[in-house]
Amino acid sequence: MSGVVGALIVPGFPHPLLAPEAGPGPAALARGFAAARARVAAWAPDVLVLYSTGWPSVIGHQVQARAEATWTLVDPEFHALGSIPYTLRFDAPLATAWAAAARRRGLQARTVDYAGFPIDTGTVVALRLLDPDGRIPAVVVSCNMYADRAETVVLAKAAADALRAAGKRAVAVAVTSFTSRLHPEPVPLPEDRPASAREDAWTGKLLELLAEGRLEDVSQLARTFAAECAADSKLKAIWWLAALSGAHNRYQGAVLARAPIQGACTAVVALEPATRAAGGHEFDEEDVDTFHGDRSVLGGGAGAAGSSSGKDGGNIVSPVTPPSSPPRAAAPPPPVAPTPVAPTPVAPQPASVLHVDAAAAPAPVGAYPHARRVGDLLFLSGVGPRQPLTNEIPGGPVRAPDGAPLPYDAAAQTRACIENVRRILEAAGSSLDRVVDVTAFLIDMDRDFAAYNAVYAEYFTGIQAARTTLAIRALPTPIAVELKVVALAGPAAG
């Protein structure tokens, strides 16, 4: 049967290939690649289909279509590790079919067939480590710098069209890191560590979901992750992987390796289709089948007439997108600043970055503030129900100190979470009615969703913030509910 028989997430750094013994990080990733290679052999695909964030493009998407590419690569950042001679096989007919299918779905796409074309490090490393003998032909597409979710999802669906028409079995490979923040100065590989403890913790949350096979849940969280972390290309490779492999949670997942490379959070993850979905979920990002040219990636603008209905590919645009993503313009006029839609109009404010610590809220349990203001947005750290000063948990803790489960009241915990959110927002000069996005984490979706949802409706029915609700295994303290909130800020200080 044609289609995706397995999926992988792998990093694009050269270290696992060129310096696997230089430190614990490269060694762990090399072992992860070896485990992934064994899975590829077991899946026995006809082709490896890659999306690499290391191959940026600006005008549409490009698909590598040279049947055999031979060259010598020197990584532009880590050239001291040495050169990588390579000879790679590509499925030229499938590449041509993919580009054609993408154009039929409204995308700009073209093939590349050029001797000596600079194939990126991530593609070379992934193919050398996943298929060292070059037995399986590959096809790889570029990562458009300005594409947002709708464009990326449609690109993946075009790949599915081409695979279906060719009757080929594929392993989908997202070549990406989770974060892209590097140490400002090189760190010896034996001493490597994540550049940000916060980003390492966020990456851990995503990997926990992936280990449960919850690929679409991670895809739905990509915007939130990118707002909190220096995500690798907004995690659009995960959007692509989920759309091509199947936008659901019916996978058997395994984290084969996790390690930092010069500060960036990376991992090797395998996902195999399964018959049963993992976890509960609430999907807020819409599905998109065709693309009509709207690239209002910073939000605010309406799409062209007849645009598809996706939240970023048509007339609805998410107000929370990574601030580092520049707008795509057809001509050289200056970029247009985002204009979020909110219950209370907010005048444009000068860009600013402030940490907010609210004395009226429970103390953080790690090295992070209650909130961080960036321009006109407030990004709240995860907010639980613990009470200020006493740390008491309304409704009771979910477990005793020895780990034994305890009865608890999810409604009381939800109400306390929202009141803590209110305290933090008011300390930052904002208010609850300025909330634009909520991500809720429940440790028991089946048991607690109804109670949580009823209390949530008391506060947010009139506010109508976007919301995603996820089931997770546990939270750091013995609580059942945690909220992650983005809100419009009040007037800038000073």
Protein backbone atom coordinates (compact mmCIF):
# COMPACT_ATOMS: atom_id res chain seq x y z
CA MET A 1 0.00 0.00 0.00
CA SER A 2 1.34 3.44 -0.90
CA GLY A 3 1.81 6.30 1.54
CA VAL A 4 3.83 6.93 4.68
CA VAL A 5 4.87 3.76 6.52
CA GLY A 6 6.98 5.53 9.13
CA ALA A 7 8.10 9.01 10.16
CA LEU A 8 11.26 10.41 11.70
CA ILE A 9 12.43 13.68 13.24
CA VAL A 10 16.20 14.08 13.05
CA PRO A 11 18.58 17.02 13.61
CA GLY A 12 20.58 18.55 10.78
CA PHE A 13 23.89 19.17 12.56
CA PRO A 14 27.01 17.42 11.18
CA HIS A 15 28.28 16.29 14.59
CA PRO A 16 26.68 12.80 14.71
CA LEU A 17 28.30 12.02 11.35
CA LEU A 18 31.69 13.74 11.66
CA ALA A 19 32.33 13.75 15.41
CA PRO A 20 30.22 11.03 17.06
CA GLU A 21 32.76 10.41 19.82
CA ALA A 22 33.59 14.07 20.54
CA GLY A 23 31.06 14.40 23.35
CA PRO A 24 28.00 12.84 24.96
CA GLY A 25 25.61 14.83 22.74
CA PRO A 26 26.97 13.72 19.35
CA ALA A 27 27.40 10.17 20.68
CA ALA A 28 23.77 10.00 21.83
CA LEU A 29 22.51 11.36 18.53
CA ALA A 30 24.69 8.93 16.57
CA ARG A 31 23.12 6.06 18.53
CA GLY A 32 19.69 7.55 17.86
CA PHE A 33 20.40 7.68 14.13
CA ALA A 34 21.54 4.04 14.25
CA ALA A 35 18.25 3.04 15.89
CA ALA A 36 16.34 5.07 13.31
CA ARG A 37 18.32 3.39 10.52
CA ALA A 38 17.19 -0.01 11.81
CA ARG A 39 13.59 1.16 11.73
CA VAL A 40 13.95 2.41 8.18
CA ALA A 41 15.26 -1.01 7.17
CA ALA A 42 12.28 -2.68 8.86
CA TRP A 43 9.80 -0.33 7.21
CA ALA A 44 11.33 -1.15 3.78
CA PRO A 45 10.25 2.04 1.99
CA ASP A 46 10.54 2.77 -1.72
CA VAL A 47 11.67 6.33 -1.04
CA LEU A 48 12.76 8.69 1.75
CA VAL A 49 10.83 12.00 1.64
CA LEU A 50 12.62 14.83 3.41
CA TYR A 51 11.77 18.36 4.50
CA SER A 52 14.93 20.13 5.65
CA THR A 53 14.98 23.43 7.52
CA GLY A 54 18.63 23.67 6.50
CA TRP A 55 17.64 24.30 2.88
CA PRO A 56 16.00 27.74 2.91
CA SER A 57 14.18 29.18 -0.08
CA VAL A 58 12.49 32.51 -0.64
CA ILE A 59 10.54 32.13 -3.90
CA GLY A 60 8.23 29.19 -3.38
CA HIS A 61 9.51 25.68 -2.72
CA GLN A 62 12.21 23.77 -4.56
CA VAL A 63 12.40 19.98 -4.92
CA GLN A 64 15.72 18.25 -5.59
CA ALA A 65 15.34 16.34 -8.88
CA ARG A 66 18.88 15.43 -9.95
CA ALA A 67 19.02 11.63 -10.14
CA GLU A 68 22.53 11.49 -8.66
CA ALA A 69 24.17 14.34 -6.77
CA THR A 70 27.91 14.14 -6.12
CA TRP A 71 29.88 16.84 -4.35
CA THR A 72 31.84 17.64 -1.20
CA LEU A 73 30.11 19.55 1.57
CA VAL A 74 31.74 21.83 4.12
CA ASP A 75 29.30 23.03 6.75
CA PRO A 76 29.42 26.85 6.83
CA GLU A 77 29.17 27.02 10.63
CA PHE A 78 31.01 23.90 11.77
CA HIS A 79 33.65 23.65 9.04
CA ALA A 80 36.32 22.71 11.60
CA LEU A 81 34.70 19.26 11.83
CA GLY A 82 35.85 18.49 8.29
CA SER A 83 34.46 17.84 4.83
CA ILE A 84 31.65 15.46 3.83
CA PRO A 85 32.05 13.89 0.38
CA TYR A 86 28.72 12.52 -0.79
CA THR A 87 26.95 10.76 -3.61
CA LEU A 88 23.18 10.79 -3.11
CA ARG A 89 20.41 9.16 -5.15
CA PHE A 90 17.21 11.08 -5.77
CA ASP A 91 13.87 9.95 -7.19
CA ALA A 92 13.65 12.47 -10.04
CA PRO A 93 10.21 11.38 -11.35
CA LEU A 94 8.70 11.64 -7.88
CA ALA A 95 10.32 15.05 -7.35
CA THR A 96 8.82 16.29 -10.61
CA ALA A 97 5.42 14.88 -9.66
CA TRP A 98 5.59 16.53 -6.22
CA ALA A 99 6.34 19.95 -7.70
CA ALA A 100 3.51 19.55 -10.20
CA ALA A 101 1.07 18.46 -7.48
CA ALA A 102 2.10 21.47 -5.39
CA ARG A 103 1.36 23.82 -8.27
CA ARG A 104 -2.05 22.22 -8.76
CA ARG A 105 -2.79 22.99 -5.11
CA GLY A 106 -1.92 26.65 -5.60
CA LEU A 107 1.74 26.74 -4.50
CA GLN A 108 4.81 28.05 -6.25
CA ALA A 109 7.11 25.05 -6.72
CA ARG A 110 9.87 24.02 -9.09
CA THR A 111 12.51 21.31 -9.37
CA VAL A 112 16.30 21.64 -9.09
CA ASP A 113 18.51 19.66 -11.47
CA TYR A 114 21.93 21.25 -11.36
CA ALA A 115 25.40 19.68 -11.02
CA GLY A 116 27.09 20.88 -7.87
CA PHE A 117 23.93 22.40 -6.39
CA PRO A 118 24.69 23.05 -2.68
CA ILE A 119 22.67 20.38 -0.90
CA ASP A 120 22.33 21.36 2.74
CA THR A 121 24.09 19.73 5.68
CA GLY A 122 20.89 18.35 7.21
CA THR A 123 19.91 16.48 4.05
CA VAL A 124 23.40 15.06 3.56
CA VAL A 125 23.74 13.99 7.21
CA ALA A 126 20.26 12.44 7.34
CA LEU A 127 20.73 10.41 4.16
CA ARG A 128 24.27 9.34 5.04
CA LEU A 129 23.21 8.12 8.49
CA LEU A 130 19.77 6.70 7.67
CA ASP A 131 20.80 4.97 4.43
CA PRO A 132 24.61 4.82 4.33
CA ASP A 133 24.72 2.49 1.32
CA GLY A 134 22.42 4.72 -0.73
CA ARG A 135 19.99 1.89 -1.48
CA ILE A 136 16.85 3.99 -1.07
CA PRO A 137 16.30 6.98 -3.38
CA ALA A 138 15.25 10.20 -1.73
CA VAL A 139 13.35 13.37 -2.49
CA VAL A 140 13.88 16.56 -0.51
CA VAL A 141 12.03 19.87 -0.49
CA SER A 142 13.22 23.28 0.66
CA CYS A 143 11.91 25.18 3.68
CA ASN A 144 10.46 28.47 2.50
CA MET A 145 11.52 31.19 4.93
CA TYR A 146 8.18 32.99 4.79
CA ALA A 147 5.74 30.09 4.57
CA ASP A 148 3.31 29.69 7.43
CA ARG A 149 1.16 26.75 8.43
CA ALA A 150 -1.33 26.64 5.56
CA GLU A 151 1.38 26.77 2.90
CA THR A 152 3.38 24.07 4.69
CA VAL A 153 0.37 21.78 5.15
CA VAL A 154 -0.59 22.11 1.47
CA LEU A 155 3.01 21.31 0.48
CA ALA A 156 2.79 18.08 2.47
CA LYS A 157 -0.54 17.16 0.91
CA ALA A 158 1.03 17.62 -2.52
CA ALA A 159 3.71 15.11 -1.52
CA ALA A 160 0.96 12.69 -0.50
CA ASP A 161 -0.67 13.20 -3.92
CA ALA A 162 2.58 12.30 -5.68
CA LEU A 163 3.19 9.22 -3.53
CA ARG A 164 -0.35 8.00 -4.09
CA ALA A 165 -0.12 8.46 -7.85
CA ALA A 166 3.24 6.63 -7.96
CA GLY A 167 2.03 3.86 -5.63
CA LYS A 168 5.14 4.25 -3.44
CA ARG A 169 5.78 3.55 0.22
CA ALA A 170 7.68 6.34 1.96
CA VAL A 171 9.40 7.21 5.20
CA ALA A 172 8.78 10.89 5.96
CA VAL A 173 11.78 12.63 7.51
CA ALA A 174 11.61 16.06 9.15
CA VAL A 175 15.19 17.34 9.34
CA THR A 176 14.96 19.94 12.09
CA SER A 177 16.06 20.87 15.56
CA PHE A 178 13.48 21.82 18.13
CA THR A 179 15.28 25.05 19.03
CA SER A 180 17.90 27.02 17.14
CA ARG A 181 19.47 29.09 19.91
CA LEU A 182 23.25 28.47 19.97
CA HIS A 183 25.80 29.45 22.58
CA PRO A 184 27.24 32.90 21.78
CA GLU A 185 30.72 31.40 22.16
CA PRO A 186 31.69 27.82 21.15
CA VAL A 187 31.42 25.31 23.99
CA PRO A 188 33.63 22.18 24.06
CA LEU A 189 31.42 19.27 23.04
CA PRO A 190 32.05 17.30 26.27
CA GLU A 191 30.66 20.30 28.17
CA ASP A 192 27.75 21.08 25.85
CA ARG A 193 24.42 21.97 27.41
CA PRO A 194 21.14 23.58 26.30
CA ALA A 195 21.53 27.31 25.71
CA SER A 196 18.28 27.91 27.58
CA ALA A 197 16.88 25.90 30.48
CA ARG A 198 13.41 27.16 29.57
CA GLU A 199 13.73 25.92 26.00
CA ASP A 200 15.06 22.59 27.21
CA ALA A 201 11.99 22.21 29.45
CA TRP A 202 9.63 23.12 26.62
CA THR A 203 11.37 20.66 24.30
CA GLY A 204 10.92 17.99 26.97
CA LYS A 205 7.16 18.62 26.98
CA LEU A 206 6.95 18.14 23.22
CA LEU A 207 9.09 15.00 23.34
CA GLU A 208 6.83 13.57 26.04
CA LEU A 209 3.87 14.00 23.68
CA LEU A 210 5.79 12.53 20.74
CA ALA A 211 6.79 9.50 22.83
CA GLU A 212 3.05 8.89 23.27
CA GLY A 213 2.53 9.11 19.51
CA ARG A 214 0.76 12.46 19.67
CA LEU A 215 2.17 14.03 16.52
CA GLU A 216 -0.82 16.26 15.73
CA ASP A 217 -0.93 17.54 19.31
CA VAL A 218 2.67 18.70 18.85
CA SER A 219 1.77 20.24 15.50
CA GLN A 220 -1.06 22.16 17.18
CA LEU A 221 1.39 23.42 19.84
CA ALA A 222 3.95 24.67 17.32
CA ARG A 223 2.79 28.29 17.53
CA THR A 224 2.90 28.31 21.31
CA PHE A 225 6.32 26.66 21.31
CA ALA A 226 7.64 29.19 18.80
CA ALA A 227 6.28 32.06 20.90
CA GLU A 228 8.13 30.71 23.95
CA CYS A 229 11.34 29.44 22.35
CA ALA A 230 13.75 30.14 19.53
CA ALA A 231 12.09 27.39 17.51
CA ASP A 232 13.81 26.06 14.40
CA SER A 233 11.85 27.72 11.55
CA LYS A 234 8.70 27.97 13.73
CA LEU A 235 8.63 24.12 13.87
CA LYS A 236 7.14 24.17 10.38
CA ALA A 237 8.89 20.85 9.70
CA ILE A 238 6.51 19.35 12.29
CA TRP A 239 3.53 20.89 10.51
CA TRP A 240 4.79 19.28 7.30
CA LEU A 241 5.44 15.90 8.94
CA ALA A 242 2.00 15.73 10.56
CA ALA A 243 0.19 16.74 7.37
CA LEU A 244 2.06 14.18 5.26
CA SER A 245 2.03 11.29 7.74
CA GLY A 246 -1.56 11.89 8.87
CA ALA A 247 -2.87 14.76 11.02
CA HIS A 248 -3.83 12.64 14.02
CA ASN A 249 -2.36 11.00 17.13
CA ARG A 250 -2.53 7.40 15.96
CA TYR A 251 1.17 6.62 16.20
CA GLN A 252 3.53 4.50 18.23
CA GLY A 253 6.19 6.99 19.23
CA ALA A 254 9.74 6.60 20.51
CA VAL A 255 12.35 9.21 21.43
CA LEU A 256 15.52 7.48 20.28
CA ALA A 257 17.93 10.21 21.43
CA ARG A 258 17.89 13.68 22.92
CA ALA A 259 20.91 15.98 23.22
CA PRO A 260 22.03 19.58 22.84
CA ILE A 261 24.35 20.56 20.01
CA GLN A 262 26.11 23.85 20.77
CA GLY A 263 23.07 24.84 22.81
CA ALA A 264 20.31 23.87 20.37
CA CYS A 265 17.80 21.30 21.64
CA THR A 266 17.75 18.32 19.28
CA ALA A 267 16.32 14.80 19.25
CA VAL A 268 15.84 11.72 17.10
CA VAL A 269 12.20 10.61 17.16
CA ALA A 270 10.46 7.71 15.40
CA LEU A 271 6.72 7.48 14.74
CA GLU A 272 5.00 4.43 13.32
CA PRO A 273 1.32 4.41 12.31
CA ALA A 274 -0.88 2.65 14.87
CA THR A 275 -4.57 1.76 15.02
CA ARG A 276 -5.31 3.51 18.30
CA ALA A 277 -5.04 7.24 19.02
CA ALA A 278 -3.04 8.34 22.07
CA GLY A 279 -4.39 10.86 24.54
CA GLY A 280 -7.15 13.39 24.30
CA HIS A 281 -6.87 16.48 22.16
CA GLU A 282 -8.64 19.57 20.97
CA PHE A 283 -7.50 20.67 17.52
CA ASP A 284 -7.88 24.41 16.91
CA GLU A 285 -5.72 24.80 13.80
CA GLU A 286 -7.91 24.19 10.74
CA ASP A 287 -7.13 21.85 7.87
CA VAL A 288 -6.22 23.35 4.48
CA ASP A 289 -6.32 21.70 1.05
CA THR A 290 -5.39 24.47 -1.37
CA PHE A 291 -3.32 27.63 -1.12
CA HIS A 292 -4.31 30.94 -2.69
CA GLY A 293 -1.30 33.13 -2.07
CA ASP A 294 -2.07 34.77 1.29
CA ARG A 295 1.14 35.08 3.29
CA SER A 296 -0.03 37.42 6.03
CA VAL A 297 2.22 35.55 8.41
CA LEU A 298 2.36 38.29 11.05
CA GLY A 299 -1.41 38.39 11.37
CA GLY A 300 -4.06 41.00 10.83
CA GLY A 301 -4.57 40.95 7.05
CA ALA A 302 -7.42 39.30 5.24
CA GLY A 303 -6.62 36.84 2.53
CA ALA A 304 -7.31 37.16 -1.16
CA ALA A 305 -10.81 36.52 -2.34
CA GLY A 306 -11.55 32.84 -2.32
CA SER A 307 -8.76 32.03 0.11
CA SER A 308 -8.75 28.66 1.79
CA SER A 309 -10.17 28.52 5.28
CA GLY A 310 -7.04 27.68 7.22
CA LYS A 311 -6.12 29.95 10.12
CA ASP A 312 -3.04 31.22 8.36
CA GLY A 313 -3.67 30.35 4.73
CA GLY A 314 -6.96 32.15 4.26
CA ASN A 315 -9.00 34.87 5.87
CA ILE A 316 -8.35 33.86 9.50
CA VAL A 317 -4.85 34.58 10.78
CA SER A 318 -3.55 33.58 14.18
CA PRO A 319 -2.66 36.65 16.25
CA VAL A 320 0.19 34.84 18.01
CA THR A 321 3.14 34.17 15.72
CA PRO A 322 6.87 34.25 16.36
CA PRO A 323 8.08 37.85 16.43
CA SER A 324 11.16 36.90 14.42
CA SER A 325 9.19 36.00 11.27
CA PRO A 326 9.31 38.83 8.68
CA PRO A 327 6.31 39.50 6.43
CA ARG A 328 6.46 38.32 2.83
CA ALA A 329 5.96 41.27 0.46
CA ALA A 330 5.59 41.20 -3.31
CA ALA A 331 7.35 44.58 -3.63
CA PRO A 332 9.86 46.45 -1.50
CA PRO A 333 7.60 48.61 0.74
CA PRO A 334 8.33 48.43 4.48
CA PRO A 335 6.74 45.58 6.50
CA VAL A 336 3.32 46.16 8.03
CA ALA A 337 3.15 45.80 11.81
CA PRO A 338 0.72 43.17 13.14
CA THR A 339 -2.76 44.36 14.10
CA PRO A 340 -4.18 41.84 16.58
CA VAL A 341 -7.93 41.53 17.02
CA ALA A 342 -8.88 41.95 20.67
CA PRO A 343 -11.87 42.61 22.89
CA THR A 344 -10.33 45.93 23.98
CA PRO A 345 -8.64 48.14 21.33
CA VAL A 346 -4.95 48.64 22.03
CA ALA A 347 -2.96 51.48 20.52
CA PRO A 348 0.39 50.52 18.93
CA GLN A 349 3.11 50.44 21.55
CA PRO A 350 6.88 50.66 21.15
CA ALA A 351 8.61 47.28 21.16
CA SER A 352 9.78 46.37 24.65
CA VAL A 353 10.81 43.31 26.61
CA LEU A 354 9.90 43.17 30.30
CA HIS A 355 9.87 40.42 32.88
CA VAL A 356 6.82 40.43 35.15
CA ASP A 357 6.90 38.99 38.65
CA ALA A 358 3.58 39.25 40.50
CA ALA A 359 3.74 39.28 44.29
CA ALA A 360 0.06 38.32 44.41
CA ALA A 361 0.67 35.08 42.47
CA PRO A 362 2.29 31.82 43.63
CA ALA A 363 6.08 31.78 43.31
CA PRO A 364 7.51 30.09 40.18
CA VAL A 365 9.03 26.65 40.73
CA GLY A 366 11.92 27.29 38.34
CA ALA A 367 14.16 29.96 36.86
CA TYR A 368 11.44 31.88 35.00
CA PRO A 369 9.23 34.94 35.53
CA HIS A 370 5.49 34.91 35.89
CA ALA A 371 5.27 36.59 32.50
CA ARG A 372 7.36 38.18 29.79
CA ARG A 373 6.21 41.16 27.77
CA VAL A 374 7.40 41.43 24.18
CA GLY A 375 5.98 44.46 22.39
CA ASP A 376 2.20 44.41 22.74
CA LEU A 377 1.98 40.80 23.97
CA LEU A 378 2.29 39.17 27.38
CA PHE A 379 3.47 35.55 27.46
CA LEU A 380 2.62 33.92 30.79
CA SER A 381 4.59 31.00 32.12
CA GLY A 382 2.54 27.93 33.01
CA VAL A 383 0.07 28.87 35.75
CA GLY A 384 -1.20 26.28 38.22
CA PRO A 385 -3.72 26.50 41.08
CA ARG A 386 -1.25 26.85 43.99
CA GLN A 387 -2.14 29.72 46.32
CA PRO A 388 0.19 32.65 46.98
CA LEU A 389 2.23 32.46 50.20
CA THR A 390 0.78 29.14 51.43
CA ASN A 391 1.25 27.00 48.27
CA GLU A 392 -2.05 25.32 49.19
CA ILE A 393 -3.73 23.57 46.25
CA PRO A 394 -7.49 24.27 46.11
CA GLY A 395 -9.35 21.04 45.60
CA GLY A 396 -6.44 19.07 47.04
CA PRO A 397 -3.24 17.63 45.54
CA VAL A 398 -3.47 14.76 43.08
CA ARG A 399 -0.91 12.64 44.91
CA ALA A 400 0.64 12.23 48.36
CA PRO A 401 4.36 12.79 49.00
CA ASP A 402 4.91 9.04 48.60
CA GLY A 403 3.26 9.13 45.16
CA ALA A 404 -0.04 7.54 46.20
CA PRO A 405 -3.01 9.00 44.26
CA LEU A 406 -5.43 11.25 46.17
CA PRO A 407 -8.97 12.45 45.38
CA TYR A 408 -9.06 16.03 44.08
CA ASP A 409 -11.47 18.61 42.67
CA ALA A 410 -10.59 19.60 39.09
CA ALA A 411 -13.17 22.40 39.07
CA ALA A 412 -11.62 24.05 42.13
CA GLN A 413 -8.16 23.75 40.61
CA THR A 414 -9.33 25.26 37.32
CA ARG A 415 -10.92 28.23 39.09
CA ALA A 416 -7.73 28.80 41.09
CA CYS A 417 -5.62 28.64 37.91
CA ILE A 418 -7.74 31.30 36.22
CA GLU A 419 -7.67 33.53 39.29
CA ASN A 420 -3.86 33.24 39.36
CA VAL A 421 -3.81 34.19 35.66
CA ARG A 422 -5.95 37.22 36.54
CA ARG A 423 -3.51 38.26 39.30
CA ILE A 424 -0.51 38.03 36.99
CA LEU A 425 -2.21 39.95 34.20
CA GLU A 426 -3.32 42.72 36.53
CA ALA A 427 0.19 42.95 38.00
CA ALA A 428 1.43 43.42 34.42
CA GLY A 429 -1.11 46.17 33.72
CA SER A 430 -3.41 43.95 31.65
CA SER A 431 -6.63 42.08 32.44
CA LEU A 432 -8.37 38.79 31.85
CA ASP A 433 -10.49 40.15 28.99
CA ARG A 434 -7.30 40.77 26.99
CA VAL A 435 -6.41 37.07 26.81
CA VAL A 436 -6.09 35.93 23.19
CA ASP A 437 -4.77 32.36 23.50
CA VAL A 438 -4.96 29.64 26.15
CA THR A 439 -3.26 26.25 26.22
CA ALA A 440 -4.57 24.00 29.01
CA PHE A 441 -2.84 20.89 30.30
CA LEU A 442 -4.90 18.19 32.08
CA ILE A 443 -3.39 15.09 33.67
CA ASP A 444 -6.64 13.13 33.20
CA MET A 445 -8.71 14.26 30.20
CA ASP A 446 -11.48 11.71 30.64
CA ARG A 447 -11.97 12.44 34.34
CA ASP A 448 -11.47 16.21 34.42
CA PHE A 449 -12.43 17.76 31.08
CA ALA A 450 -16.11 18.35 31.86
CA ALA A 451 -15.41 20.06 35.20
CA TYR A 452 -12.57 22.12 33.76
CA ASN A 453 -14.63 23.10 30.71
CA ALA A 454 -17.58 24.27 32.80
CA VAL A 455 -15.45 26.55 34.98
CA TYR A 456 -13.55 27.81 31.95
CA ALA A 457 -16.84 28.81 30.31
CA GLU A 458 -17.75 30.96 33.33
CA TYR A 459 -14.75 33.18 32.67
CA PHE A 460 -14.08 32.97 28.93
CA THR A 461 -17.44 32.70 27.16
CA GLY A 462 -17.49 36.44 26.56
CA ILE A 463 -13.76 36.73 25.92
CA GLN A 464 -13.58 34.05 23.19
CA ALA A 465 -9.84 33.45 23.39
CA ALA A 466 -8.40 30.72 21.17
CA ARG A 467 -7.89 27.51 23.15
CA THR A 468 -6.08 24.19 22.94
CA THR A 469 -6.56 21.51 25.62
CA LEU A 470 -4.01 18.69 25.98
CA ALA A 471 -3.74 15.60 28.16
CA ILE A 472 -0.29 15.03 29.64
CA ARG A 473 1.15 12.41 31.95
CA ALA A 474 2.02 14.66 34.90
CA LEU A 475 2.84 18.21 35.98
CA PRO A 476 5.88 19.23 38.06
CA THR A 477 3.82 19.80 41.22
CA PRO A 478 0.92 17.56 42.41
CA ILE A 479 -1.74 19.45 40.43
CA ALA A 480 -4.22 18.39 37.78
CA VAL A 481 -4.56 21.58 35.72
CA GLU A 482 -2.13 24.14 34.29
CA LEU A 483 -2.79 27.05 31.92
CA LYS A 484 -0.46 28.66 29.40
CA VAL A 485 -1.74 32.10 28.39
CA VAL A 486 -0.94 34.81 25.85
CA ALA A 487 -2.61 38.19 26.35
CA LEU A 488 -2.52 41.71 25.00
CA ALA A 489 -0.46 43.97 27.22
CA GLY A 490 -1.52 47.28 28.76
CA PRO A 491 0.22 50.57 27.98
CA ALA A 492 4.02 50.36 27.91
CA ALA A 493 5.79 51.46 31.08
CA GLY A 494 7.44 54.87 30.95
